[in-house]
Amino acid sequence: MQNGVNPNRLVRLTLDAAMRAVVAAEILLRDTTLAPEPTHVALVGDVLYAIGNAGWTKYGDDGAPKTDTPFTAPRLLRLTIR
């Protein structure tokens, strides 16, 4: 998961045999309508699951919901990775 950039994205990083250096990078998903706030990734076999809209921007620094921001239903993303 790569947050803090615009747009957010899901990336796959391939490590060398010693697992000390990145030898390849691939963008798996970069879609601000499908995943405006992606987070929490789980890999099950060759299927990657992620939350597409975490909603952290819907809350203030004090943890209280912002009154001027509409909430949206959670979105679970499923990507087949090979």
PDB file of N, CA and C in Angstrom:
ATOM      1  N   MET A   1       0.839  -1.156   0.000  1.00  0.00           N
ATOM      2  CA  MET A   1       0.000   0.000   0.000  1.00  0.00           C
ATOM      3  C   MET A   1       0.891   1.228   0.000  1.00  0.00           C
ATOM      4  N   GLN A   2       0.607   2.155  -0.887  1.00  0.00           N
ATOM      5  CA  GLN A   2       1.390   3.386  -0.939  1.00  0.00           C
ATOM      6  C   GLN A   2       0.416   4.544  -0.776  1.00  0.00           C
ATOM      7  N   ASN A   3       0.317   5.054   0.452  1.00  0.00           N
ATOM      8  CA  ASN A   3      -0.517   6.206   0.755  1.00  0.00           C
ATOM      9  C   ASN A   3       0.362   7.436   0.896  1.00  0.00           C
ATOM     10  N   GLY A   4      -0.268   8.589   0.939  1.00  0.00           N
ATOM     11  CA  GLY A   4       0.494   9.823   1.093  1.00  0.00           C
ATOM     12  C   GLY A   4       1.008  10.370  -0.221  1.00  0.00           C
ATOM     13  N   VAL A   5       0.637   9.745  -1.315  1.00  0.00           N
ATOM     14  CA  VAL A   5       0.967  10.235  -2.652  1.00  0.00           C
ATOM     15  C   VAL A   5      -0.351  10.418  -3.390  1.00  0.00           C
ATOM     16  N   ASN A   6      -0.323  11.106  -4.484  1.00  0.00           N
ATOM     17  CA  ASN A   6      -1.548  11.317  -5.252  1.00  0.00           C
ATOM     18  C   ASN A   6      -1.322  10.837  -6.673  1.00  0.00           C
ATOM     19  N   PRO A   7      -2.014   9.789  -7.108  1.00  0.00           N
ATOM     20  CA  PRO A   7      -3.033   9.049  -6.369  1.00  0.00           C
ATOM     21  C   PRO A   7      -2.407   7.961  -5.492  1.00  0.00           C
ATOM     22  N   ASN A   8      -3.177   7.528  -4.461  1.00  0.00           N
ATOM     23  CA  ASN A   8      -2.772   6.367  -3.666  1.00  0.00           C
ATOM     24  C   ASN A   8      -2.714   5.165  -4.592  1.00  0.00           C
ATOM     25  N   ARG A   9      -1.958   4.152  -4.210  1.00  0.00           N
ATOM     26  CA  ARG A   9      -1.865   2.977  -5.080  1.00  0.00           C
ATOM     27  C   ARG A   9      -1.440   1.742  -4.303  1.00  0.00           C
ATOM     28  N   LEU A  10      -1.732   0.609  -4.911  1.00  0.00           N
ATOM     29  CA  LEU A  10      -1.246  -0.685  -4.426  1.00  0.00           C
ATOM     30  C   LEU A  10      -0.091  -1.071  -5.341  1.00  0.00           C
ATOM     31  N   VAL A  11       1.041  -1.393  -4.746  1.00  0.00           N
ATOM     32  CA  VAL A  11       2.221  -1.759  -5.532  1.00  0.00           C
ATOM     33  C   VAL A  11       2.751  -3.116  -5.093  1.00  0.00           C
ATOM     34  N   ARG A  12       3.372  -3.804  -6.019  1.00  0.00           N
ATOM     35  CA  ARG A  12       4.070  -5.056  -5.703  1.00  0.00           C
ATOM     36  C   ARG A  12       5.561  -4.780  -5.836  1.00  0.00           C
ATOM     37  N   LEU A  13       6.308  -5.075  -4.778  1.00  0.00           N
ATOM     38  CA  LEU A  13       7.755  -4.933  -4.792  1.00  0.00           C
ATOM     39  C   LEU A  13       8.367  -6.324  -4.772  1.00  0.00           C
ATOM     40  N   THR A  14       9.286  -6.588  -5.677  1.00  0.00           N
ATOM     41  CA  THR A  14       9.980  -7.869  -5.741  1.00  0.00           C
ATOM     42  C   THR A  14      11.370  -7.686  -5.154  1.00  0.00           C
ATOM     43  N   LEU A  15      11.702  -8.553  -4.212  1.00  0.00           N
ATOM     44  CA  LEU A  15      13.001  -8.466  -3.544  1.00  0.00           C
ATOM     45  C   LEU A  15      13.994  -9.449  -4.148  1.00  0.00           C
ATOM     46  N   ASP A  16      15.280  -9.158  -3.950  1.00  0.00           N
ATOM     47  CA  ASP A  16      16.310 -10.096  -4.392  1.00  0.00           C
ATOM     48  C   ASP A  16      16.300 -11.329  -3.489  1.00  0.00           C
ATOM     49  N   ALA A  17      17.098 -12.335  -3.815  1.00  0.00           N
ATOM     50  CA  ALA A  17      17.107 -13.603  -3.081  1.00  0.00           C
ATOM     51  C   ALA A  17      17.452 -13.410  -1.607  1.00  0.00           C
ATOM     52  N   ALA A  18      18.285 -12.432  -1.298  1.00  0.00           N
ATOM     53  CA  ALA A  18      18.667 -12.168   0.089  1.00  0.00           C
ATOM     54  C   ALA A  18      17.618 -11.331   0.821  1.00  0.00           C
ATOM     55  N   MET A  19      16.611 -10.868   0.086  1.00  0.00           N
ATOM     56  CA  MET A  19      15.538 -10.023   0.629  1.00  0.00           C
ATOM     57  C   MET A  19      16.082  -8.736   1.239  1.00  0.00           C
ATOM     58  N   ARG A  20      17.072  -8.164   0.551  1.00  0.00           N
ATOM     59  CA  ARG A  20      17.705  -6.932   1.029  1.00  0.00           C
ATOM     60  C   ARG A  20      17.540  -5.757   0.082  1.00  0.00           C
ATOM     61  N   ALA A  21      17.119  -6.026  -1.149  1.00  0.00           N
ATOM     62  CA  ALA A  21      16.999  -4.948  -2.127  1.00  0.00           C
ATOM     63  C   ALA A  21      15.792  -5.189  -3.024  1.00  0.00           C
ATOM     64  N   VAL A  22      15.151  -4.106  -3.404  1.00  0.00           N
ATOM     65  CA  VAL A  22      14.029  -4.184  -4.350  1.00  0.00           C
ATOM     66  C   VAL A  22      14.609  -4.282  -5.754  1.00  0.00           C
ATOM     67  N   VAL A  23      14.189  -5.309  -6.499  1.00  0.00           N
ATOM     68  CA  VAL A  23      14.692  -5.492  -7.859  1.00  0.00           C
ATOM     69  C   VAL A  23      13.624  -5.179  -8.912  1.00  0.00           C
ATOM     70  N   ALA A  24      12.369  -5.061  -8.482  1.00  0.00           N
ATOM     71  CA  ALA A  24      11.301  -4.713  -9.422  1.00  0.00           C
ATOM     72  C   ALA A  24      10.129  -4.107  -8.652  1.00  0.00           C
ATOM     73  N   ALA A  25       9.387  -3.239  -9.321  1.00  0.00           N
ATOM     74  CA  ALA A  25       8.193  -2.629  -8.747  1.00  0.00           C
ATOM     75  C   ALA A  25       7.107  -2.608  -9.814  1.00  0.00           C
ATOM     76  N   GLU A  26       5.884  -2.890  -9.388  1.00  0.00           N
ATOM     77  CA  GLU A  26       4.747  -2.936 -10.315  1.00  0.00           C
ATOM     78  C   GLU A  26       3.533  -2.316  -9.631  1.00  0.00           C
ATOM     79  N   ILE A  27       2.846  -1.434 -10.330  1.00  0.00           N
ATOM     80  CA  ILE A  27       1.606  -0.859  -9.803  1.00  0.00           C
ATOM     81  C   ILE A  27       0.474  -1.838 -10.092  1.00  0.00           C
ATOM     82  N   LEU A  28      -0.211  -2.295  -9.032  1.00  0.00           N
ATOM     83  CA  LEU A  28      -1.317  -3.234  -9.188  1.00  0.00           C
ATOM     84  C   LEU A  28      -2.654  -2.508  -9.321  1.00  0.00           C
ATOM     85  N   LEU A  29      -2.798  -1.380  -8.621  1.00  0.00           N
ATOM     86  CA  LEU A  29      -4.045  -0.623  -8.665  1.00  0.00           C
ATOM     87  C   LEU A  29      -3.753   0.843  -8.408  1.00  0.00           C
ATOM     88  N   ARG A  30      -4.289   1.690  -9.269  1.00  0.00           N
ATOM     89  CA  ARG A  30      -4.196   3.139  -9.101  1.00  0.00           C
ATOM     90  C   ARG A  30      -5.505   3.702  -9.636  1.00  0.00           C
ATOM     91  N   ASP A  31      -6.507   3.740  -8.767  1.00  0.00           N
ATOM     92  CA  ASP A  31      -7.850   4.153  -9.174  1.00  0.00           C
ATOM     93  C   ASP A  31      -8.497   4.903  -8.026  1.00  0.00           C
ATOM     94  N   THR A  32      -8.561   6.220  -8.112  1.00  0.00           N
ATOM     95  CA  THR A  32      -9.069   7.027  -7.009  1.00  0.00           C
ATOM     96  C   THR A  32     -10.578   6.891  -6.816  1.00  0.00           C
ATOM     97  N   THR A  33     -11.297   6.411  -7.813  1.00  0.00           N
ATOM     98  CA  THR A  33     -12.736   6.201  -7.613  1.00  0.00           C
ATOM     99  C   THR A  33     -13.004   4.857  -6.955  1.00  0.00           C
ATOM    100  N   LEU A  34     -12.242   3.842  -7.297  1.00  0.00           N
ATOM    101  CA  LEU A  34     -12.400   2.513  -6.713  1.00  0.00           C
ATOM    102  C   LEU A  34     -11.759   2.428  -5.323  1.00  0.00           C
ATOM    103  N   ALA A  35     -10.644   3.079  -5.151  1.00  0.00           N
ATOM    104  CA  ALA A  35      -9.896   3.008  -3.891  1.00  0.00           C
ATOM    105  C   ALA A  35      -9.365   4.389  -3.503  1.00  0.00           C
ATOM    106  N   PRO A  36     -10.254   5.281  -3.040  1.00  0.00           N
ATOM    107  CA  PRO A  36      -9.794   6.618  -2.684  1.00  0.00           C
ATOM    108  C   PRO A  36      -8.914   6.656  -1.440  1.00  0.00           C
ATOM    109  N   GLU A  37      -9.086   5.718  -0.510  1.00  0.00           N
ATOM    110  CA  GLU A  37      -8.288   5.644   0.711  1.00  0.00           C
ATOM    111  C   GLU A  37      -7.954   4.180   1.007  1.00  0.00           C
ATOM    112  N   PRO A  38      -7.107   3.547   0.197  1.00  0.00           N
ATOM    113  CA  PRO A  38      -6.821   2.121   0.394  1.00  0.00           C
ATOM    114  C   PRO A  38      -5.986   1.866   1.644  1.00  0.00           C
ATOM    115  N   THR A  39      -6.244   0.722   2.268  1.00  0.00           N
ATOM    116  CA  THR A  39      -5.496   0.321   3.459  1.00  0.00           C
ATOM    117  C   THR A  39      -5.709  -1.165   3.740  1.00  0.00           C
ATOM    118  N   HIS A  40      -5.006  -1.702   4.701  1.00  0.00           N
ATOM    119  CA  HIS A  40      -5.170  -3.063   5.199  1.00  0.00           C
ATOM    120  C   HIS A  40      -5.212  -4.107   4.082  1.00  0.00           C
ATOM    121  N   VAL A  41      -4.084  -4.672   3.787  1.00  0.00           N
ATOM    122  CA  VAL A  41      -3.962  -5.656   2.718  1.00  0.00           C
ATOM    123  C   VAL A  41      -3.729  -7.041   3.316  1.00  0.00           C
ATOM    124  N   ALA A  42      -4.376  -8.044   2.719  1.00  0.00           N
ATOM    125  CA  ALA A  42      -4.150  -9.442   3.094  1.00  0.00           C
ATOM    126  C   ALA A  42      -4.010 -10.259   1.820  1.00  0.00           C
ATOM    127  N   LEU A  43      -3.030 -11.133   1.779  1.00  0.00           N
ATOM    128  CA  LEU A  43      -2.805 -12.005   0.635  1.00  0.00           C
ATOM    129  C   LEU A  43      -3.184 -13.423   1.024  1.00  0.00           C
ATOM    130  N   VAL A  44      -4.110 -14.012   0.260  1.00  0.00           N
ATOM    131  CA  VAL A  44      -4.551 -15.390   0.480  1.00  0.00           C
ATOM    132  C   VAL A  44      -4.329 -16.138  -0.824  1.00  0.00           C
ATOM    133  N   GLY A  45      -3.282 -16.964  -0.858  1.00  0.00           N
ATOM    134  CA  GLY A  45      -2.925 -17.634  -2.105  1.00  0.00           C
ATOM    135  C   GLY A  45      -2.512 -16.599  -3.134  1.00  0.00           C
ATOM    136  N   ASP A  46      -3.209 -16.566  -4.260  1.00  0.00           N
ATOM    137  CA  ASP A  46      -2.900 -15.561  -5.286  1.00  0.00           C
ATOM    138  C   ASP A  46      -3.970 -14.478  -5.350  1.00  0.00           C
ATOM    139  N   VAL A  47      -4.713 -14.310  -4.256  1.00  0.00           N
ATOM    140  CA  VAL A  47      -5.744 -13.267  -4.188  1.00  0.00           C
ATOM    141  C   VAL A  47      -5.366 -12.249  -3.121  1.00  0.00           C
ATOM    142  N   LEU A  48      -5.358 -10.974  -3.501  1.00  0.00           N
ATOM    143  CA  LEU A  48      -5.042  -9.878  -2.606  1.00  0.00           C
ATOM    144  C   LEU A  48      -6.340  -9.180  -2.234  1.00  0.00           C
ATOM    145  N   TYR A  49      -6.574  -9.008  -0.951  1.00  0.00           N
ATOM    146  CA  TYR A  49      -7.753  -8.295  -0.453  1.00  0.00           C
ATOM    147  C   TYR A  49      -7.283  -7.000   0.187  1.00  0.00           C
ATOM    148  N   ALA A  50      -8.034  -5.916  -0.004  1.00  0.00           N
ATOM    149  CA  ALA A  50      -7.699  -4.635   0.609  1.00  0.00           C
ATOM    150  C   ALA A  50      -8.978  -3.850   0.847  1.00  0.00           C
ATOM    151  N   ILE A  51      -8.935  -2.981   1.842  1.00  0.00           N
ATOM    152  CA  ILE A  51     -10.035  -2.046   2.062  1.00  0.00           C
ATOM    153  C   ILE A  51      -9.780  -0.865   1.127  1.00  0.00           C
ATOM    154  N   GLY A  52     -10.759  -0.544   0.304  1.00  0.00           N
ATOM    155  CA  GLY A  52     -10.577   0.502  -0.703  1.00  0.00           C
ATOM    156  C   GLY A  52     -10.849   1.909  -0.213  1.00  0.00           C
ATOM    157  N   ASN A  53     -11.672   2.033   0.817  1.00  0.00           N
ATOM    158  CA  ASN A  53     -12.011   3.369   1.315  1.00  0.00           C
ATOM    159  C   ASN A  53     -12.048   3.347   2.845  1.00  0.00           C
ATOM    160  N   ALA A  54     -10.897   3.475   3.448  1.00  0.00           N
ATOM    161  CA  ALA A  54     -10.757   3.367   4.899  1.00  0.00           C
ATOM    162  C   ALA A  54     -11.563   4.428   5.643  1.00  0.00           C
ATOM    163  N   GLY A  55     -11.648   5.620   5.102  1.00  0.00           N
ATOM    164  CA  GLY A  55     -12.453   6.674   5.711  1.00  0.00           C
ATOM    165  C   GLY A  55     -11.755   7.509   6.760  1.00  0.00           C
ATOM    166  N   TRP A  56     -10.421   7.415   6.845  1.00  0.00           N
ATOM    167  CA  TRP A  56      -9.746   8.182   7.887  1.00  0.00           C
ATOM    168  C   TRP A  56      -9.873   9.693   7.698  1.00  0.00           C
ATOM    169  N   THR A  57     -10.116  10.164   6.495  1.00  0.00           N
ATOM    170  CA  THR A  57     -10.288  11.611   6.287  1.00  0.00           C
ATOM    171  C   THR A  57     -11.671  12.083   6.731  1.00  0.00           C
ATOM    172  N   LYS A  58     -12.522  11.155   7.122  1.00  0.00           N
ATOM    173  CA  LYS A  58     -13.872  11.498   7.595  1.00  0.00           C
ATOM    174  C   LYS A  58     -13.868  11.896   9.065  1.00  0.00           C
ATOM    175  N   TYR A  59     -12.695  11.795   9.742  1.00  0.00           N
ATOM    176  CA  TYR A  59     -12.580  12.083  11.171  1.00  0.00           C
ATOM    177  C   TYR A  59     -11.538  13.159  11.415  1.00  0.00           C
ATOM    178  N   GLY A  60     -11.762  13.947  12.441  1.00  0.00           N
ATOM    179  CA  GLY A  60     -10.810  14.982  12.826  1.00  0.00           C
ATOM    180  C   GLY A  60      -9.682  14.410  13.656  1.00  0.00           C
ATOM    181  N   ASP A  61      -8.721  15.246  14.003  1.00  0.00           N
ATOM    182  CA  ASP A  61      -7.578  14.822  14.808  1.00  0.00           C
ATOM    183  C   ASP A  61      -7.997  14.325  16.187  1.00  0.00           C
ATOM    184  N   ASP A  62      -9.152  14.772  16.662  1.00  0.00           N
ATOM    185  CA  ASP A  62      -9.648  14.346  17.967  1.00  0.00           C
ATOM    186  C   ASP A  62     -10.419  13.027  17.911  1.00  0.00           C
ATOM    187  N   GLY A  63     -10.572  12.459  16.703  1.00  0.00           N
ATOM    188  CA  GLY A  63     -11.285  11.192  16.541  1.00  0.00           C
ATOM    189  C   GLY A  63     -12.780  11.341  16.325  1.00  0.00           C
ATOM    190  N   ALA A  64     -13.275  12.553  16.398  1.00  0.00           N
ATOM    191  CA  ALA A  64     -14.706  12.797  16.194  1.00  0.00           C
ATOM    192  C   ALA A  64     -15.013  12.876  14.705  1.00  0.00           C
ATOM    193  N   PRO A  65     -16.159  12.347  14.278  1.00  0.00           N
ATOM    194  CA  PRO A  65     -16.535  12.439  12.858  1.00  0.00           C
ATOM    195  C   PRO A  65     -16.678  13.892  12.429  1.00  0.00           C
ATOM    196  N   LYS A  66     -16.211  14.197  11.228  1.00  0.00           N
ATOM    197  CA  LYS A  66     -16.394  15.536  10.659  1.00  0.00           C
ATOM    198  C   LYS A  66     -17.850  15.675  10.236  1.00  0.00           C
ATOM    199  N   THR A  67     -18.445  16.810  10.527  1.00  0.00           N
ATOM    200  CA  THR A  67     -19.873  16.999  10.223  1.00  0.00           C
ATOM    201  C   THR A  67     -20.111  17.369   8.765  1.00  0.00           C
ATOM    202  N   ASP A  68     -19.103  17.873   8.077  1.00  0.00           N
ATOM    203  CA  ASP A  68     -19.280  18.335   6.698  1.00  0.00           C
ATOM    204  C   ASP A  68     -18.830  17.310   5.657  1.00  0.00           C
ATOM    205  N   THR A  69     -18.557  16.070   6.082  1.00  0.00           N
ATOM    206  CA  THR A  69     -18.041  15.053   5.170  1.00  0.00           C
ATOM    207  C   THR A  69     -18.992  13.871   5.116  1.00  0.00           C
ATOM    208  N   PRO A  70     -19.564  13.569   3.945  1.00  0.00           N
ATOM    209  CA  PRO A  70     -20.477  12.423   3.855  1.00  0.00           C
ATOM    210  C   PRO A  70     -19.718  11.095   3.979  1.00  0.00           C
ATOM    211  N   PHE A  71     -20.350  10.141   4.629  1.00  0.00           N
ATOM    212  CA  PHE A  71     -19.760   8.816   4.772  1.00  0.00           C
ATOM    213  C   PHE A  71     -20.190   7.933   3.608  1.00  0.00           C
ATOM    214  N   THR A  72     -19.354   6.988   3.265  1.00  0.00           N
ATOM    215  CA  THR A  72     -19.657   6.034   2.205  1.00  0.00           C
ATOM    216  C   THR A  72     -19.539   4.614   2.770  1.00  0.00           C
ATOM    217  N   ALA A  73     -20.218   3.684   2.140  1.00  0.00           N
ATOM    218  CA  ALA A  73     -20.157   2.291   2.582  1.00  0.00           C
ATOM    219  C   ALA A  73     -18.748   1.752   2.377  1.00  0.00           C
ATOM    220  N   PRO A  74     -18.305   0.832   3.235  1.00  0.00           N
ATOM    221  CA  PRO A  74     -16.979   0.227   3.061  1.00  0.00           C
ATOM    222  C   PRO A  74     -16.893  -0.511   1.720  1.00  0.00           C
ATOM    223  N   ARG A  75     -15.683  -0.563   1.185  1.00  0.00           N
ATOM    224  CA  ARG A  75     -15.470  -1.274  -0.085  1.00  0.00           C
ATOM    225  C   ARG A  75     -14.294  -2.228   0.090  1.00  0.00           C
ATOM    226  N   LEU A  76     -14.558  -3.503  -0.132  1.00  0.00           N
ATOM    227  CA  LEU A  76     -13.508  -4.527  -0.084  1.00  0.00           C
ATOM    228  C   LEU A  76     -13.070  -4.825  -1.507  1.00  0.00           C
ATOM    229  N   LEU A  77     -11.783  -4.704  -1.747  1.00  0.00           N
ATOM    230  CA  LEU A  77     -11.224  -4.960  -3.084  1.00  0.00           C
ATOM    231  C   LEU A  77     -10.652  -6.369  -3.130  1.00  0.00           C
ATOM    232  N   ARG A  78     -10.776  -7.000  -4.282  1.00  0.00           N
ATOM    233  CA  ARG A  78     -10.231  -8.356  -4.494  1.00  0.00           C
ATOM    234  C   ARG A  78      -9.472  -8.338  -5.819  1.00  0.00           C
ATOM    235  N   LEU A  79      -8.179  -8.590  -5.769  1.00  0.00           N
ATOM    236  CA  LEU A  79      -7.350  -8.616  -6.974  1.00  0.00           C
ATOM    237  C   LEU A  79      -6.651  -9.958  -7.058  1.00  0.00           C
ATOM    238  N   THR A  80      -6.686 -10.582  -8.218  1.00  0.00           N
ATOM    239  CA  THR A  80      -5.944 -11.819  -8.433  1.00  0.00           C
ATOM    240  C   THR A  80      -4.509 -11.453  -8.829  1.00  0.00           C
ATOM    241  N   ILE A  81      -3.554 -11.990  -8.079  1.00  0.00           N
ATOM    242  CA  ILE A  81      -2.148 -11.686  -8.285  1.00  0.00           C
ATOM    243  C   ILE A  81      -1.459 -12.940  -8.802  1.00  0.00           C
ATOM    244  N   ARG A  82      -0.706 -12.795  -9.850  1.00  0.00           N
ATOM    245  CA  ARG A  82       0.039 -13.947 -10.377  1.00  0.00           C
ATOM    246  C   ARG A  82       1.473 -13.590 -10.587  1.00  0.00           C
TER     247      ARG A  82
END
